Amino acid sequence: MFALRSMSLASAVLATWLTGIVVVPTIAAAQSRLPQCPKIWLRGWTNCQGTFTFANGDKYVGGFKDGKYHGQGTATYADGRKYIGEFKDGNKNGQGTYTAADGTKYVGEWKNGKENGQGTLTAADGTKYYVGEWKDARANGKGTRTYADGDKYVGGFKDGNKNGQGTYIYANGNTYVGEFKDDERNGQGVFYAANGSIKQSGIWKDNEFFGAVAR
């Protein structure tokens, strides 16, 4: 969903020369201790700060190393997407903020171009849809997900789905506390009414109550 392409510039440079797009290595010196990149691309810019504009309107402003985006930078896309943060070897890596064209925003850690580590996914209306751990652009580990209908889940995730121990709080006040697998109630769990009384307690399978645990 939030994949951002790797940014090796070798082919883009050729396209730039052919289309006449100007590559302008200008950025305020106060923004970086790196020197400005030279005006002519010779075997790729390295250890410098510059601006690179693609023929399709995409633009990058920031650090370069061995011809790739490296260090702090800003990538702006013609379709409205934007990333501000750290890069390594041409990929998003470290802390960064990615804003999709529809206003959805991810703020957090990146590795090899994908969301990895702690991060927050916020909807365009400001609702924090997911706060927690990520792996390869999916919710993995501990986190909190808030749904548009007011429901809320706090617990484990795997590959973007509810998995492991967790608590699901419904907008009407009902609550399920127990095990999940493949995004559904699976395993041992207790379903509470809004007043705190136990409605069902025992084994669940694919969101259905399977039966009470034998004592």
C-alpha atoms as a PDB file:
ATOM      1  CA  MET A   1       0.000   0.000   0.000  1.00  0.00           C
ATOM      2  CA  PHE A   2       2.705   2.403   0.922  1.00  0.00           C
ATOM      3  CA  ALA A   3       5.467   1.013  -1.261  1.00  0.00           C
ATOM      4  CA  LEU A   4       7.798   3.660  -2.631  1.00  0.00           C
ATOM      5  CA  ARG A   5      10.041   2.689  -5.473  1.00  0.00           C
ATOM      6  CA  SER A   6      13.796   2.319  -5.094  1.00  0.00           C
ATOM      7  CA  MET A   7      15.595   5.346  -6.384  1.00  0.00           C
ATOM      8  CA  SER A   8      18.671   4.483  -8.424  1.00  0.00           C
ATOM      9  CA  LEU A   9      19.256   7.406 -10.772  1.00  0.00           C
ATOM     10  CA  ALA A  10      21.402   6.058 -13.589  1.00  0.00           C
ATOM     11  CA  SER A  11      18.532   5.553 -16.066  1.00  0.00           C
ATOM     12  CA  ALA A  12      16.800   8.724 -14.895  1.00  0.00           C
ATOM     13  CA  VAL A  13      19.875  10.793 -15.689  1.00  0.00           C
ATOM     14  CA  LEU A  14      19.848   9.623 -19.299  1.00  0.00           C
ATOM     15  CA  ALA A  15      16.147  10.386 -19.554  1.00  0.00           C
ATOM     16  CA  THR A  16      16.788  13.821 -18.109  1.00  0.00           C
ATOM     17  CA  TRP A  17      19.438  14.635 -20.684  1.00  0.00           C
ATOM     18  CA  LEU A  18      17.225  13.398 -23.534  1.00  0.00           C
ATOM     19  CA  THR A  19      14.170  15.384 -22.418  1.00  0.00           C
ATOM     20  CA  GLY A  20      16.049  18.520 -21.487  1.00  0.00           C
ATOM     21  CA  ILE A  21      14.886  18.517 -17.876  1.00  0.00           C
ATOM     22  CA  VAL A  22      17.304  20.553 -15.828  1.00  0.00           C
ATOM     23  CA  VAL A  23      18.967  18.975 -12.808  1.00  0.00           C
ATOM     24  CA  VAL A  24      19.513  21.753 -10.292  1.00  0.00           C
ATOM     25  CA  PRO A  25      21.807  21.047  -7.320  1.00  0.00           C
ATOM     26  CA  THR A  26      20.497  23.862  -5.156  1.00  0.00           C
ATOM     27  CA  ILE A  27      19.400  23.730  -1.518  1.00  0.00           C
ATOM     28  CA  ALA A  28      19.917  26.035   1.407  1.00  0.00           C
ATOM     29  CA  ALA A  29      23.303  25.424   2.962  1.00  0.00           C
ATOM     30  CA  ALA A  30      21.776  25.667   6.413  1.00  0.00           C
ATOM     31  CA  GLN A  31      19.753  22.502   5.740  1.00  0.00           C
ATOM     32  CA  SER A  32      22.803  20.294   5.505  1.00  0.00           C
ATOM     33  CA  ARG A  33      26.517  20.235   6.199  1.00  0.00           C
ATOM     34  CA  LEU A  34      27.051  18.455   2.901  1.00  0.00           C
ATOM     35  CA  PRO A  35      28.393  20.535   0.010  1.00  0.00           C
ATOM     36  CA  GLN A  36      26.159  21.219  -2.953  1.00  0.00           C
ATOM     37  CA  CYS A  37      26.343  18.693  -5.765  1.00  0.00           C
ATOM     38  CA  PRO A  38      28.099  19.791  -8.955  1.00  0.00           C
ATOM     39  CA  LYS A  39      26.019  20.983 -11.903  1.00  0.00           C
ATOM     40  CA  ILE A  40      27.214  18.156 -14.128  1.00  0.00           C
ATOM     41  CA  TRP A  41      26.409  14.511 -13.351  1.00  0.00           C
ATOM     42  CA  LEU A  42      29.672  12.571 -13.567  1.00  0.00           C
ATOM     43  CA  ARG A  43      29.384   8.934 -12.475  1.00  0.00           C
ATOM     44  CA  GLY A  44      26.714   9.952 -10.008  1.00  0.00           C
ATOM     45  CA  TRP A  45      26.678  12.501  -7.231  1.00  0.00           C
ATOM     46  CA  THR A  46      28.220  11.428  -3.933  1.00  0.00           C
ATOM     47  CA  ASN A  47      28.564  12.976  -0.488  1.00  0.00           C
ATOM     48  CA  CYS A  48      26.671  16.071  -1.537  1.00  0.00           C
ATOM     49  CA  GLN A  49      23.294  17.779  -1.319  1.00  0.00           C
ATOM     50  CA  GLY A  50      21.238  18.423  -4.422  1.00  0.00           C
ATOM     51  CA  THR A  51      17.945  18.516  -6.281  1.00  0.00           C
ATOM     52  CA  PHE A  52      16.983  16.016  -8.951  1.00  0.00           C
ATOM     53  CA  THR A  53      13.875  16.438 -11.110  1.00  0.00           C
ATOM     54  CA  PHE A  54      12.566  13.539 -13.186  1.00  0.00           C
ATOM     55  CA  ALA A  55      10.955  13.867 -16.594  1.00  0.00           C
ATOM     56  CA  ASN A  56       7.572  12.791 -15.182  1.00  0.00           C
ATOM     57  CA  GLY A  57       7.545  15.561 -12.575  1.00  0.00           C
ATOM     58  CA  ASP A  58       8.806  13.568  -9.589  1.00  0.00           C
ATOM     59  CA  LYS A  59      11.402  15.434  -7.549  1.00  0.00           C
ATOM     60  CA  TYR A  60      13.988  14.644  -4.890  1.00  0.00           C
ATOM     61  CA  VAL A  61      15.800  17.161  -2.701  1.00  0.00           C
ATOM     62  CA  GLY A  62      18.438  15.913  -0.276  1.00  0.00           C
ATOM     63  CA  GLY A  63      21.619  13.959   0.183  1.00  0.00           C
ATOM     64  CA  PHE A  64      23.332  11.736  -2.366  1.00  0.00           C
ATOM     65  CA  LYS A  65      25.926   8.990  -2.082  1.00  0.00           C
ATOM     66  CA  ASP A  66      27.287   6.931  -4.985  1.00  0.00           C
ATOM     67  CA  GLY A  67      24.503   8.217  -7.217  1.00  0.00           C
ATOM     68  CA  LYS A  68      21.702   7.229  -4.854  1.00  0.00           C
ATOM     69  CA  TYR A  69      19.505   9.033  -2.367  1.00  0.00           C
ATOM     70  CA  HIS A  70      21.263   8.896   0.991  1.00  0.00           C
ATOM     71  CA  GLY A  71      20.766  10.732   4.262  1.00  0.00           C
ATOM     72  CA  GLN A  72      18.014  13.260   4.875  1.00  0.00           C
ATOM     73  CA  GLY A  73      15.797  14.035   1.920  1.00  0.00           C
ATOM     74  CA  THR A  74      12.382  14.841   0.494  1.00  0.00           C
ATOM     75  CA  ALA A  75      10.801  12.926  -2.380  1.00  0.00           C
ATOM     76  CA  THR A  76       7.774  14.587  -3.992  1.00  0.00           C
ATOM     77  CA  TYR A  77       5.712  12.796  -6.636  1.00  0.00           C
ATOM     78  CA  ALA A  78       3.650  14.166  -9.475  1.00  0.00           C
ATOM     79  CA  ASP A  79       0.611  12.172  -8.318  1.00  0.00           C
ATOM     80  CA  GLY A  80       0.565  13.913  -4.929  1.00  0.00           C
ATOM     81  CA  ARG A  81       2.561  11.485  -2.770  1.00  0.00           C
ATOM     82  CA  LYS A  82       5.380  12.739  -0.583  1.00  0.00           C
ATOM     83  CA  TYR A  83       8.088  11.304   1.680  1.00  0.00           C
ATOM     84  CA  ILE A  84      10.195  13.315   4.093  1.00  0.00           C
ATOM     85  CA  GLY A  85      12.867  11.531   6.062  1.00  0.00           C
ATOM     86  CA  GLU A  86      15.951   9.382   5.917  1.00  0.00           C
ATOM     87  CA  PHE A  87      17.282   7.381   2.982  1.00  0.00           C
ATOM     88  CA  LYS A  88      19.982   4.752   2.632  1.00  0.00           C
ATOM     89  CA  ASP A  89      21.304   3.414  -0.672  1.00  0.00           C
ATOM     90  CA  GLY A  90      18.309   4.789  -2.558  1.00  0.00           C
ATOM     91  CA  ASN A  91      15.620   3.446  -0.214  1.00  0.00           C
ATOM     92  CA  LYS A  92      13.625   4.890   2.656  1.00  0.00           C
ATOM     93  CA  ASN A  93      15.550   3.863   5.749  1.00  0.00           C
ATOM     94  CA  GLY A  94      15.333   5.229   9.293  1.00  0.00           C
ATOM     95  CA  GLN A  95      12.756   7.745  10.472  1.00  0.00           C
ATOM     96  CA  GLY A  96      10.362   9.206   7.939  1.00  0.00           C
ATOM     97  CA  THR A  97       6.897  10.469   7.074  1.00  0.00           C
ATOM     98  CA  TYR A  98       5.033   9.227   4.006  1.00  0.00           C
ATOM     99  CA  THR A  99       1.840  10.938   2.868  1.00  0.00           C
ATOM    100  CA  ALA A 100      -0.321   9.237   0.245  1.00  0.00           C
ATOM    101  CA  ALA A 101      -2.248  11.156  -2.411  1.00  0.00           C
ATOM    102  CA  ASP A 102      -5.497  10.657  -0.454  1.00  0.00           C
ATOM    103  CA  GLY A 103      -4.034  12.197   2.709  1.00  0.00           C
ATOM    104  CA  THR A 104      -3.337   8.952   4.538  1.00  0.00           C
ATOM    105  CA  LYS A 105      -0.090   9.328   6.476  1.00  0.00           C
ATOM    106  CA  TYR A 106       2.504   6.974   7.962  1.00  0.00           C
ATOM    107  CA  VAL A 107       4.986   8.328  10.501  1.00  0.00           C
ATOM    108  CA  GLY A 108       7.650   6.024  11.859  1.00  0.00           C
ATOM    109  CA  GLU A 109      10.521   3.708  11.086  1.00  0.00           C
ATOM    110  CA  TRP A 110      11.551   2.358   7.685  1.00  0.00           C
ATOM    111  CA  LYS A 111      13.945  -0.301   6.448  1.00  0.00           C
ATOM    112  CA  ASN A 112      14.822  -1.147   2.857  1.00  0.00           C
ATOM    113  CA  GLY A 113      12.002   0.990   1.498  1.00  0.00           C
ATOM    114  CA  LYS A 114       9.225  -0.469   3.677  1.00  0.00           C
ATOM    115  CA  GLU A 115       7.562   0.294   6.982  1.00  0.00           C
ATOM    116  CA  ASN A 116       9.563  -1.596   9.620  1.00  0.00           C
ATOM    117  CA  GLY A 117       9.608  -0.959  13.367  1.00  0.00           C
ATOM    118  CA  GLN A 118       7.377   1.405  15.311  1.00  0.00           C
ATOM    119  CA  GLY A 119       4.954   3.508  13.314  1.00  0.00           C
ATOM    120  CA  THR A 120       1.592   5.245  13.173  1.00  0.00           C
ATOM    121  CA  LEU A 121      -0.845   5.124  10.260  1.00  0.00           C
ATOM    122  CA  THR A 122      -3.290   8.048  10.287  1.00  0.00           C
ATOM    123  CA  ALA A 123      -6.320   8.491   8.046  1.00  0.00           C
ATOM    124  CA  ALA A 124      -6.935  11.712   6.142  1.00  0.00           C
ATOM    125  CA  ASP A 125      -9.473  12.804   8.764  1.00  0.00           C
ATOM    126  CA  GLY A 126      -6.866  12.530  11.520  1.00  0.00           C
ATOM    127  CA  THR A 127      -8.017   9.183  12.929  1.00  0.00           C
ATOM    128  CA  LYS A 128      -5.082   7.034  14.040  1.00  0.00           C
ATOM    129  CA  TYR A 129      -5.976   3.823  12.242  1.00  0.00           C
ATOM    130  CA  TYR A 130      -2.999   1.811  13.502  1.00  0.00           C
ATOM    131  CA  VAL A 131      -0.300   2.484  16.090  1.00  0.00           C
ATOM    132  CA  GLY A 132       2.318  -0.158  16.770  1.00  0.00           C
ATOM    133  CA  GLU A 133       4.894  -2.470  15.257  1.00  0.00           C
ATOM    134  CA  TRP A 134       5.414  -3.047  11.537  1.00  0.00           C
ATOM    135  CA  LYS A 135       7.310  -5.522   9.407  1.00  0.00           C
ATOM    136  CA  ASP A 136       7.637  -5.234   5.629  1.00  0.00           C
ATOM    137  CA  ALA A 137       4.807  -2.686   5.345  1.00  0.00           C
ATOM    138  CA  ARG A 138       2.325  -4.717   7.438  1.00  0.00           C
ATOM    139  CA  ALA A 139       1.206  -4.656  11.047  1.00  0.00           C
ATOM    140  CA  ASN A 140       3.325  -7.237  12.879  1.00  0.00           C
ATOM    141  CA  GLY A 141       3.769  -7.491  16.639  1.00  0.00           C
ATOM    142  CA  LYS A 142       1.929  -5.443  19.237  1.00  0.00           C
ATOM    143  CA  GLY A 143      -0.380  -2.670  18.169  1.00  0.00           C
ATOM    144  CA  THR A 144      -3.668  -0.819  18.386  1.00  0.00           C
ATOM    145  CA  ARG A 145      -6.130  -0.569  15.504  1.00  0.00           C
ATOM    146  CA  THR A 146      -9.116   1.771  15.509  1.00  0.00           C
ATOM    147  CA  TYR A 147     -11.957   1.121  13.068  1.00  0.00           C
ATOM    148  CA  ALA A 148     -14.260   3.582  11.309  1.00  0.00           C
ATOM    149  CA  ASP A 149     -17.327   2.195  13.113  1.00  0.00           C
ATOM    150  CA  GLY A 150     -15.786   2.918  16.525  1.00  0.00           C
ATOM    151  CA  ASP A 151     -14.522  -0.578  17.296  1.00  0.00           C
ATOM    152  CA  LYS A 152     -10.999  -0.913  18.677  1.00  0.00           C
ATOM    153  CA  TYR A 153      -8.490  -3.758  18.912  1.00  0.00           C
ATOM    154  CA  VAL A 154      -5.409  -3.891  21.129  1.00  0.00           C
ATOM    155  CA  GLY A 155      -3.089  -6.877  20.878  1.00  0.00           C
ATOM    156  CA  GLY A 156      -0.987  -8.998  18.556  1.00  0.00           C
ATOM    157  CA  PHE A 157      -0.792  -8.791  14.780  1.00  0.00           C
ATOM    158  CA  LYS A 158       0.711 -10.961  12.075  1.00  0.00           C
ATOM    159  CA  ASP A 159       0.916  -9.980   8.412  1.00  0.00           C
ATOM    160  CA  GLY A 160      -1.660  -7.240   8.974  1.00  0.00           C
ATOM    161  CA  ASN A 161      -4.204  -9.457  10.739  1.00  0.00           C
ATOM    162  CA  LYS A 162      -5.185  -9.842  14.378  1.00  0.00           C
ATOM    163  CA  ASN A 163      -3.147 -12.740  15.731  1.00  0.00           C
ATOM    164  CA  GLY A 164      -2.311 -13.996  19.220  1.00  0.00           C
ATOM    165  CA  GLN A 165      -3.587 -12.529  22.453  1.00  0.00           C
ATOM    166  CA  GLY A 166      -5.745  -9.433  22.190  1.00  0.00           C
ATOM    167  CA  THR A 167      -8.725  -7.386  23.288  1.00  0.00           C
ATOM    168  CA  TYR A 168     -11.458  -6.284  20.881  1.00  0.00           C
ATOM    169  CA  ILE A 169     -13.721  -3.513  22.165  1.00  0.00           C
ATOM    170  CA  TYR A 170     -16.946  -2.944  20.243  1.00  0.00           C
ATOM    171  CA  ALA A 171     -18.518   0.478  19.843  1.00  0.00           C
ATOM    172  CA  ASN A 172     -21.571  -0.742  21.800  1.00  0.00           C
ATOM    173  CA  GLY A 173     -19.420  -1.603  24.816  1.00  0.00           C
ATOM    174  CA  ASN A 174     -19.184  -5.368  24.342  1.00  0.00           C
ATOM    175  CA  THR A 175     -15.647  -6.771  24.676  1.00  0.00           C
ATOM    176  CA  TYR A 176     -13.832  -9.921  23.664  1.00  0.00           C
ATOM    177  CA  VAL A 177     -10.617 -10.841  25.490  1.00  0.00           C
ATOM    178  CA  GLY A 178      -8.682 -13.821  24.249  1.00  0.00           C
ATOM    179  CA  GLU A 179      -6.920 -15.430  21.324  1.00  0.00           C
ATOM    180  CA  PHE A 180      -7.053 -14.530  17.642  1.00  0.00           C
ATOM    181  CA  LYS A 181      -5.812 -16.172  14.470  1.00  0.00           C
ATOM    182  CA  ASP A 182      -6.128 -15.022  10.860  1.00  0.00           C
ATOM    183  CA  ASP A 183      -8.024 -11.888  11.968  1.00  0.00           C
ATOM    184  CA  GLU A 184     -10.774 -13.872  13.751  1.00  0.00           C
ATOM    185  CA  ARG A 185     -11.538 -15.146  17.254  1.00  0.00           C
ATOM    186  CA  ASN A 186      -9.765 -18.490  17.470  1.00  0.00           C
ATOM    187  CA  GLY A 187      -8.771 -20.286  20.666  1.00  0.00           C
ATOM    188  CA  GLN A 188      -9.554 -19.510  24.291  1.00  0.00           C
ATOM    189  CA  GLY A 189     -11.532 -16.342  24.952  1.00  0.00           C
ATOM    190  CA  VAL A 190     -14.194 -14.559  26.956  1.00  0.00           C
ATOM    191  CA  PHE A 191     -16.950 -12.363  25.533  1.00  0.00           C
ATOM    192  CA  TYR A 192     -18.233  -9.675  27.902  1.00  0.00           C
ATOM    193  CA  ALA A 193     -21.435  -7.640  27.699  1.00  0.00           C
ATOM    194  CA  ALA A 194     -21.244  -3.869  28.000  1.00  0.00           C
ATOM    195  CA  ASN A 195     -22.181  -4.121  31.700  1.00  0.00           C
ATOM    196  CA  GLY A 196     -19.213  -6.404  32.378  1.00  0.00           C
ATOM    197  CA  SER A 197     -21.121  -9.668  32.689  1.00  0.00           C
ATOM    198  CA  ILE A 198     -19.772 -12.748  30.925  1.00  0.00           C
ATOM    199  CA  LYS A 199     -21.844 -13.778  27.914  1.00  0.00           C
ATOM    200  CA  GLN A 200     -19.637 -16.581  26.588  1.00  0.00           C
ATOM    201  CA  SER A 201     -16.408 -18.124  27.851  1.00  0.00           C
ATOM    202  CA  GLY A 202     -14.548 -20.985  26.244  1.00  0.00           C
ATOM    203  CA  ILE A 203     -13.245 -22.060  22.834  1.00  0.00           C
ATOM    204  CA  TRP A 204     -13.796 -20.050  19.669  1.00  0.00           C
ATOM    205  CA  LYS A 205     -13.307 -21.037  16.042  1.00  0.00           C
ATOM    206  CA  ASP A 206     -13.488 -18.623  13.112  1.00  0.00           C
ATOM    207  CA  ASN A 207     -15.375 -16.045  15.193  1.00  0.00           C
ATOM    208  CA  GLU A 208     -17.990 -18.587  16.341  1.00  0.00           C
ATOM    209  CA  PHE A 209     -18.351 -19.804  19.914  1.00  0.00           C
ATOM    210  CA  PHE A 210     -17.413 -23.485  19.874  1.00  0.00           C
ATOM    211  CA  GLY A 211     -18.152 -24.394  23.467  1.00  0.00           C
ATOM    212  CA  ALA A 212     -17.274 -23.976  27.121  1.00  0.00           C
ATOM    213  CA  VAL A 213     -14.055 -25.462  28.415  1.00  0.00           C
ATOM    214  CA  ALA A 214     -14.645 -28.735  30.294  1.00  0.00           C
ATOM    215  CA  ARG A 215     -13.701 -28.535  33.950  1.00  0.00           C
END
